Amino acid sequence: ARPQAEALLARREAETAERLAVMQARLDGAVEGREAELSRELAAVTLELETMRGGLSHARRRMIEMEAEVEALRAAAR
């Protein structure tokens, strides 16, 4: 009875190890997929941020120019 029990235990251990390996492979694939998705999202958000920063910088320069124009018009009107 003992050799049969040991053989059964060994088979179950092997099956469990195989299932664990399959689950680990699935998990690794899911993690890699999620990392790739997050990397793409980060790249898109970073590009959007840089675009907004450029627009904001342009708007600030234009605002300074317009303030200077208003001051020049006020000075000319005096």
PDB file of N, CA and C in Angstrom:
ATOM      1  N   ALA A   1       0.824  -1.197   0.000  1.00  0.00           N
ATOM      2  CA  ALA A   1       0.000   0.000   0.000  1.00  0.00           C
ATOM      3  C   ALA A   1       0.870   1.265   0.000  1.00  0.00           C
ATOM      4  N   ARG A   2       1.966   1.195   0.715  1.00  0.00           N
ATOM      5  CA  ARG A   2       2.832   2.379   0.796  1.00  0.00           C
ATOM      6  C   ARG A   2       3.415   2.758  -0.564  1.00  0.00           C
ATOM      7  N   PRO A   3       3.934   1.795  -1.349  1.00  0.00           N
ATOM      8  CA  PRO A   3       4.457   2.173  -2.668  1.00  0.00           C
ATOM      9  C   PRO A   3       3.391   2.788  -3.569  1.00  0.00           C
ATOM     10  N   GLN A   4       2.162   2.288  -3.468  1.00  0.00           N
ATOM     11  CA  GLN A   4       1.071   2.852  -4.272  1.00  0.00           C
ATOM     12  C   GLN A   4       0.761   4.277  -3.827  1.00  0.00           C
ATOM     13  N   ALA A   5       0.739   4.484  -2.546  1.00  0.00           N
ATOM     14  CA  ALA A   5       0.466   5.825  -2.001  1.00  0.00           C
ATOM     15  C   ALA A   5       1.575   6.787  -2.402  1.00  0.00           C
ATOM     16  N   GLU A   6       2.807   6.324  -2.352  1.00  0.00           N
ATOM     17  CA  GLU A   6       3.928   7.176  -2.757  1.00  0.00           C
ATOM     18  C   GLU A   6       3.871   7.499  -4.244  1.00  0.00           C
ATOM     19  N   ALA A   7       3.498   6.512  -5.047  1.00  0.00           N
ATOM     20  CA  ALA A   7       3.373   6.733  -6.492  1.00  0.00           C
ATOM     21  C   ALA A   7       2.254   7.726  -6.784  1.00  0.00           C
ATOM     22  N   LEU A   8       1.133   7.575  -6.091  1.00  0.00           N
ATOM     23  CA  LEU A   8       0.011   8.504  -6.258  1.00  0.00           C
ATOM     24  C   LEU A   8       0.426   9.910  -5.840  1.00  0.00           C
ATOM     25  N   LEU A   9       1.109  10.010  -4.720  1.00  0.00           N
ATOM     26  CA  LEU A   9       1.579  11.299  -4.246  1.00  0.00           C
ATOM     27  C   LEU A   9       2.547  11.933  -5.249  1.00  0.00           C
ATOM     28  N   ALA A  10       3.432  11.156  -5.805  1.00  0.00           N
ATOM     29  CA  ALA A  10       4.392  11.661  -6.792  1.00  0.00           C
ATOM     30  C   ALA A  10       3.664  12.152  -8.040  1.00  0.00           C
ATOM     31  N   ARG A  11       2.643  11.396  -8.495  1.00  0.00           N
ATOM     32  CA  ARG A  11       1.855  11.828  -9.663  1.00  0.00           C
ATOM     33  C   ARG A  11       1.136  13.143  -9.384  1.00  0.00           C
ATOM     34  N   ARG A  12       0.541  13.238  -8.212  1.00  0.00           N
ATOM     35  CA  ARG A  12      -0.180  14.463  -7.858  1.00  0.00           C
ATOM     36  C   ARG A  12       0.776  15.647  -7.730  1.00  0.00           C
ATOM     37  N   GLU A  13       1.935  15.411  -7.174  1.00  0.00           N
ATOM     38  CA  GLU A  13       2.932  16.474  -7.101  1.00  0.00           C
ATOM     39  C   GLU A  13       3.344  16.933  -8.495  1.00  0.00           C
ATOM     40  N   ALA A  14       3.538  15.983  -9.400  1.00  0.00           N
ATOM     41  CA  ALA A  14       3.910  16.315 -10.776  1.00  0.00           C
ATOM     42  C   ALA A  14       2.791  17.093 -11.465  1.00  0.00           C
ATOM     43  N   GLU A  15       1.554  16.653 -11.270  1.00  0.00           N
ATOM     44  CA  GLU A  15       0.408  17.361 -11.865  1.00  0.00           C
ATOM     45  C   GLU A  15       0.294  18.772 -11.294  1.00  0.00           C
ATOM     46  N   THR A  16       0.479  18.889 -10.000  1.00  0.00           N
ATOM     47  CA  THR A  16       0.404  20.201  -9.352  1.00  0.00           C
ATOM     48  C   THR A  16       1.510  21.116  -9.861  1.00  0.00           C
ATOM     49  N   ALA A  17       2.707  20.564 -10.000  1.00  0.00           N
ATOM     50  CA  ALA A  17       3.825  21.359 -10.521  1.00  0.00           C
ATOM     51  C   ALA A  17       3.549  21.797 -11.952  1.00  0.00           C
ATOM     52  N   GLU A  18       2.956  20.925 -12.749  1.00  0.00           N
ATOM     53  CA  GLU A  18       2.634  21.282 -14.139  1.00  0.00           C
ATOM     54  C   GLU A  18       1.561  22.370 -14.177  1.00  0.00           C
ATOM     55  N   ARG A  19       0.530  22.235 -13.368  1.00  0.00           N
ATOM     56  CA  ARG A  19      -0.516  23.276 -13.323  1.00  0.00           C
ATOM     57  C   ARG A  19       0.058  24.598 -12.857  1.00  0.00           C
ATOM     58  N   LEU A  20       0.926  24.523 -11.871  1.00  0.00           N
ATOM     59  CA  LEU A  20       1.573  25.736 -11.377  1.00  0.00           C
ATOM     60  C   LEU A  20       2.401  26.404 -12.480  1.00  0.00           C
ATOM     61  N   ALA A  21       3.122  25.626 -13.249  1.00  0.00           N
ATOM     62  CA  ALA A  21       3.925  26.170 -14.343  1.00  0.00           C
ATOM     63  C   ALA A  21       3.038  26.831 -15.405  1.00  0.00           C
ATOM     64  N   VAL A  22       1.910  26.208 -15.700  1.00  0.00           N
ATOM     65  CA  VAL A  22       0.973  26.784 -16.675  1.00  0.00           C
ATOM     66  C   VAL A  22       0.397  28.092 -16.142  1.00  0.00           C
ATOM     67  N   MET A  23       0.018  28.105 -14.878  1.00  0.00           N
ATOM     68  CA  MET A  23      -0.541  29.319 -14.277  1.00  0.00           C
ATOM     69  C   MET A  23       0.510  30.424 -14.220  1.00  0.00           C
ATOM     70  N   GLN A  24       1.754  30.065 -13.916  1.00  0.00           N
ATOM     71  CA  GLN A  24       2.828  31.054 -13.870  1.00  0.00           C
ATOM     72  C   GLN A  24       3.072  31.637 -15.250  1.00  0.00           C
ATOM     73  N   ALA A  25       3.034  30.800 -16.277  1.00  0.00           N
ATOM     74  CA  ALA A  25       3.219  31.284 -17.649  1.00  0.00           C
ATOM     75  C   ALA A  25       2.099  32.245 -18.035  1.00  0.00           C
ATOM     76  N   ARG A  26       0.862  31.908 -17.664  1.00  0.00           N
ATOM     77  CA  ARG A  26      -0.269  32.807 -17.944  1.00  0.00           C
ATOM     78  C   ARG A  26      -0.101  34.139 -17.220  1.00  0.00           C
ATOM     79  N   LEU A  27       0.278  34.047 -15.957  1.00  0.00           N
ATOM     80  CA  LEU A  27       0.473  35.254 -15.163  1.00  0.00           C
ATOM     81  C   LEU A  27       1.590  36.112 -15.755  1.00  0.00           C
ATOM     82  N   ASP A  28       2.686  35.491 -16.123  1.00  0.00           N
ATOM     83  CA  ASP A  28       3.789  36.233 -16.739  1.00  0.00           C
ATOM     84  C   ASP A  28       3.335  36.928 -18.021  1.00  0.00           C
ATOM     85  N   GLY A  29       2.555  36.219 -18.832  1.00  0.00           N
ATOM     86  CA  GLY A  29       2.036  36.814 -20.061  1.00  0.00           C
ATOM     87  C   GLY A  29       1.115  37.989 -19.782  1.00  0.00           C
ATOM     88  N   ALA A  30       0.267  37.832 -18.772  1.00  0.00           N
ATOM     89  CA  ALA A  30      -0.657  38.919 -18.415  1.00  0.00           C
ATOM     90  C   ALA A  30       0.115  40.130 -17.915  1.00  0.00           C
ATOM     91  N   VAL A  31       1.130  39.887 -17.095  1.00  0.00           N
ATOM     92  CA  VAL A  31       1.930  40.996 -16.560  1.00  0.00           C
ATOM     93  C   VAL A  31       2.665  41.706 -17.697  1.00  0.00           C
ATOM     94  N   GLU A  32       3.265  40.934 -18.599  1.00  0.00           N
ATOM     95  CA  GLU A  32       3.965  41.543 -19.734  1.00  0.00           C
ATOM     96  C   GLU A  32       3.014  42.364 -20.602  1.00  0.00           C
ATOM     97  N   GLY A  33       1.813  41.824 -20.828  1.00  0.00           N
ATOM     98  CA  GLY A  33       0.825  42.560 -21.616  1.00  0.00           C
ATOM     99  C   GLY A  33       0.416  43.853 -20.944  1.00  0.00           C
ATOM    100  N   ARG A  34       0.193  43.790 -19.648  1.00  0.00           N
ATOM    101  CA  ARG A  34      -0.205  44.994 -18.902  1.00  0.00           C
ATOM    102  C   ARG A  34       0.919  46.019 -18.881  1.00  0.00           C
ATOM    103  N   GLU A  35       2.163  45.542 -18.702  1.00  0.00           N
ATOM    104  CA  GLU A  35       3.303  46.460 -18.723  1.00  0.00           C
ATOM    105  C   GLU A  35       3.415  47.149 -20.079  1.00  0.00           C
ATOM    106  N   ALA A  36       3.220  46.396 -21.147  1.00  0.00           N
ATOM    107  CA  ALA A  36       3.287  46.985 -22.484  1.00  0.00           C
ATOM    108  C   ALA A  36       2.180  48.024 -22.668  1.00  0.00           C
ATOM    109  N   GLU A  37       0.979  47.704 -22.201  1.00  0.00           N
ATOM    110  CA  GLU A  37      -0.146  48.629 -22.298  1.00  0.00           C
ATOM    111  C   GLU A  37       0.139  49.911 -21.505  1.00  0.00           C
ATOM    112  N   LEU A  38       0.652  49.754 -20.290  1.00  0.00           N
ATOM    113  CA  LEU A  38       0.959  50.926 -19.471  1.00  0.00           C
ATOM    114  C   LEU A  38       2.092  51.748 -20.081  1.00  0.00           C
ATOM    115  N   SER A  39       3.055  51.095 -20.689  1.00  0.00           N
ATOM    116  CA  SER A  39       4.147  51.820 -21.353  1.00  0.00           C
ATOM    117  C   SER A  39       3.614  52.647 -22.517  1.00  0.00           C
ATOM    118  N   ARG A  40       2.702  52.064 -23.293  1.00  0.00           N
ATOM    119  CA  ARG A  40       2.094  52.813 -24.409  1.00  0.00           C
ATOM    120  C   ARG A  40       1.300  54.004 -23.893  1.00  0.00           C
ATOM    121  N   GLU A  41       0.520  53.783 -22.835  1.00  0.00           N
ATOM    122  CA  GLU A  41      -0.270  54.874 -22.259  1.00  0.00           C
ATOM    123  C   GLU A  41       0.639  55.971 -21.716  1.00  0.00           C
ATOM    124  N   LEU A  42       1.719  55.587 -21.060  1.00  0.00           N
ATOM    125  CA  LEU A  42       2.661  56.566 -20.526  1.00  0.00           C
ATOM    126  C   LEU A  42       3.294  57.379 -21.650  1.00  0.00           C
ATOM    127  N   ALA A  43       3.662  56.711 -22.730  1.00  0.00           N
ATOM    128  CA  ALA A  43       4.254  57.426 -23.861  1.00  0.00           C
ATOM    129  C   ALA A  43       3.260  58.421 -24.454  1.00  0.00           C
ATOM    130  N   ALA A  44       2.003  58.018 -24.572  1.00  0.00           N
ATOM    131  CA  ALA A  44       0.983  58.911 -25.122  1.00  0.00           C
ATOM    132  C   ALA A  44       0.749  60.110 -24.200  1.00  0.00           C
ATOM    133  N   VAL A  45       0.669  59.865 -22.912  1.00  0.00           N
ATOM    134  CA  VAL A  45       0.439  60.949 -21.950  1.00  0.00           C
ATOM    135  C   VAL A  45       1.645  61.889 -21.913  1.00  0.00           C
ATOM    136  N   THR A  46       2.847  61.319 -21.992  1.00  0.00           N
ATOM    137  CA  THR A  46       4.054  62.144 -22.009  1.00  0.00           C
ATOM    138  C   THR A  46       4.077  63.038 -23.234  1.00  0.00           C
ATOM    139  N   LEU A  47       3.719  62.496 -24.391  1.00  0.00           N
ATOM    140  CA  LEU A  47       3.665  63.295 -25.614  1.00  0.00           C
ATOM    141  C   LEU A  47       2.622  64.401 -25.482  1.00  0.00           C
ATOM    142  N   GLU A  48       1.467  64.062 -24.932  1.00  0.00           N
ATOM    143  CA  GLU A  48       0.410  65.063 -24.733  1.00  0.00           C
ATOM    144  C   GLU A  48       0.883  66.164 -23.784  1.00  0.00           C
ATOM    145  N   LEU A  49       1.570  65.772 -22.727  1.00  0.00           N
ATOM    146  CA  LEU A  49       2.096  66.741 -21.768  1.00  0.00           C
ATOM    147  C   LEU A  49       3.100  67.681 -22.432  1.00  0.00           C
ATOM    148  N   GLU A  50       4.007  67.135 -23.216  1.00  0.00           N
ATOM    149  CA  GLU A  50       4.998  67.968 -23.902  1.00  0.00           C
ATOM    150  C   GLU A  50       4.319  68.918 -24.889  1.00  0.00           C
ATOM    151  N   THR A  51       3.296  68.445 -25.554  1.00  0.00           N
ATOM    152  CA  THR A  51       2.547  69.300 -26.478  1.00  0.00           C
ATOM    153  C   THR A  51       1.872  70.439 -25.728  1.00  0.00           C
ATOM    154  N   MET A  52       1.270  70.109 -24.582  1.00  0.00           N
ATOM    155  CA  MET A  52       0.614  71.147 -23.774  1.00  0.00           C
ATOM    156  C   MET A  52       1.627  72.148 -23.238  1.00  0.00           C
ATOM    157  N   ARG A  53       2.771  71.653 -22.819  1.00  0.00           N
ATOM    158  CA  ARG A  53       3.804  72.566 -22.318  1.00  0.00           C
ATOM    159  C   ARG A  53       4.248  73.523 -23.417  1.00  0.00           C
ATOM    160  N   GLY A  54       4.397  73.013 -24.632  1.00  0.00           N
ATOM    161  CA  GLY A  54       4.766  73.874 -25.750  1.00  0.00           C
ATOM    162  C   GLY A  54       3.706  74.927 -26.013  1.00  0.00           C
ATOM    163  N   GLY A  55       2.443  74.501 -25.979  1.00  0.00           N
ATOM    164  CA  GLY A  55       1.346  75.442 -26.183  1.00  0.00           C
ATOM    165  C   GLY A  55       1.287  76.492 -25.092  1.00  0.00           C
ATOM    166  N   LEU A  56       1.490  76.057 -23.859  1.00  0.00           N
ATOM    167  CA  LEU A  56       1.482  76.985 -22.736  1.00  0.00           C
ATOM    168  C   LEU A  56       2.630  77.980 -22.841  1.00  0.00           C
ATOM    169  N   SER A  57       3.788  77.513 -23.226  1.00  0.00           N
ATOM    170  CA  SER A  57       4.934  78.399 -23.391  1.00  0.00           C
ATOM    171  C   SER A  57       4.660  79.440 -24.474  1.00  0.00           C
ATOM    172  N   HIS A  58       4.070  78.989 -25.566  1.00  0.00           N
ATOM    173  CA  HIS A  58       3.719  79.912 -26.649  1.00  0.00           C
ATOM    174  C   HIS A  58       2.697  80.941 -26.160  1.00  0.00           C
ATOM    175  N   ALA A  59       1.695  80.474 -25.416  1.00  0.00           N
ATOM    176  CA  ALA A  59       0.658  81.377 -24.912  1.00  0.00           C
ATOM    177  C   ALA A  59       1.258  82.411 -23.948  1.00  0.00           C
ATOM    178  N   ARG A  60       2.204  81.984 -23.113  1.00  0.00           N
ATOM    179  CA  ARG A  60       2.848  82.931 -22.200  1.00  0.00           C
ATOM    180  C   ARG A  60       3.622  83.998 -22.967  1.00  0.00           C
ATOM    181  N   ARG A  61       4.366  83.563 -23.991  1.00  0.00           N
ATOM    182  CA  ARG A  61       5.116  84.545 -24.791  1.00  0.00           C
ATOM    183  C   ARG A  61       4.169  85.528 -25.475  1.00  0.00           C
ATOM    184  N   ARG A  62       3.078  85.010 -25.999  1.00  0.00           N
ATOM    185  CA  ARG A  62       2.107  85.877 -26.685  1.00  0.00           C
ATOM    186  C   ARG A  62       1.467  86.840 -25.694  1.00  0.00           C
ATOM    187  N   MET A  63       1.182  86.370 -24.485  1.00  0.00           N
ATOM    188  CA  MET A  63       0.595  87.227 -23.460  1.00  0.00           C
ATOM    189  C   MET A  63       1.550  88.368 -23.105  1.00  0.00           C
ATOM    190  N   ILE A  64       2.826  88.065 -22.970  1.00  0.00           N
ATOM    191  CA  ILE A  64       3.818  89.099 -22.670  1.00  0.00           C
ATOM    192  C   ILE A  64       3.889  90.117 -23.804  1.00  0.00           C
ATOM    193  N   GLU A  65       3.842  89.616 -25.036  1.00  0.00           N
ATOM    194  CA  GLU A  65       3.856  90.523 -26.191  1.00  0.00           C
ATOM    195  C   GLU A  65       2.638  91.436 -26.173  1.00  0.00           C
ATOM    196  N   MET A  66       1.481  90.864 -25.898  1.00  0.00           N
ATOM    197  CA  MET A  66       0.247  91.657 -25.900  1.00  0.00           C
ATOM    198  C   MET A  66       0.244  92.679 -24.761  1.00  0.00           C
ATOM    199  N   GLU A  67       0.773  92.264 -23.584  1.00  0.00           N
ATOM    200  CA  GLU A  67       0.857  93.215 -22.479  1.00  0.00           C
ATOM    201  C   GLU A  67       1.763  94.386 -22.852  1.00  0.00           C
ATOM    202  N   ALA A  68       2.846  94.087 -23.557  1.00  0.00           N
ATOM    203  CA  ALA A  68       3.756  95.151 -23.989  1.00  0.00           C
ATOM    204  C   ALA A  68       3.059  96.072 -24.994  1.00  0.00           C
ATOM    205  N   GLU A  69       2.276  95.481 -25.892  1.00  0.00           N
ATOM    206  CA  GLU A  69       1.538  96.290 -26.865  1.00  0.00           C
ATOM    207  C   GLU A  69       0.528  97.197 -26.161  1.00  0.00           C
ATOM    208  N   VAL A  70      -0.181  96.662 -25.165  1.00  0.00           N
ATOM    209  CA  VAL A  70      -1.161  97.457 -24.418  1.00  0.00           C
ATOM    210  C   VAL A  70      -0.458  98.604 -23.693  1.00  0.00           C
ATOM    211  N   GLU A  71       0.664  98.316 -23.080  1.00  0.00           N
ATOM    212  CA  GLU A  71       1.418  99.363 -22.392  1.00  0.00           C
ATOM    213  C   GLU A  71       1.895 100.429 -23.372  1.00  0.00           C
ATOM    214  N   ALA A  72       2.330  99.986 -24.537  1.00  0.00           N
ATOM    215  CA  ALA A  72       2.792 100.970 -25.554  1.00  0.00           C
ATOM    216  C   ALA A  72       1.622 101.834 -25.995  1.00  0.00           C
ATOM    217  N   LEU A  73       0.452 101.254 -26.173  1.00  0.00           N
ATOM    218  CA  LEU A  73      -0.732 102.040 -26.570  1.00  0.00           C
ATOM    219  C   LEU A  73      -1.137 102.992 -25.467  1.00  0.00           C
ATOM    220  N   ARG A  74      -1.067 102.550 -24.207  1.00  0.00           N
ATOM    221  CA  ARG A  74      -1.403 103.436 -23.087  1.00  0.00           C
ATOM    222  C   ARG A  74      -0.407 104.602 -23.018  1.00  0.00           C
ATOM    223  N   ALA A  75       0.845 104.296 -23.210  1.00  0.00           N
ATOM    224  CA  ALA A  75       1.879 105.340 -23.148  1.00  0.00           C
ATOM    225  C   ALA A  75       1.683 106.330 -24.286  1.00  0.00           C
ATOM    226  N   ALA A  76       1.308 105.845 -25.456  1.00  0.00           N
ATOM    227  CA  ALA A  76       1.097 106.736 -26.610  1.00  0.00           C
ATOM    228  C   ALA A  76      -0.144 107.598 -26.417  1.00  0.00           C
ATOM    229  N   ALA A  77      -1.132 107.081 -25.699  1.00  0.00           N
ATOM    230  CA  ALA A  77      -2.382 107.828 -25.485  1.00  0.00           C
ATOM    231  C   ALA A  77      -2.198 108.925 -24.437  1.00  0.00           C
ATOM    232  N   ARG A  78      -1.170 108.875 -23.635  1.00  0.00           N
ATOM    233  CA  ARG A  78      -0.983 109.869 -22.580  1.00  0.00           C
ATOM    234  C   ARG A  78      -0.455 111.115 -23.106  1.00  0.00           C
TER     235      ARG A  78
END
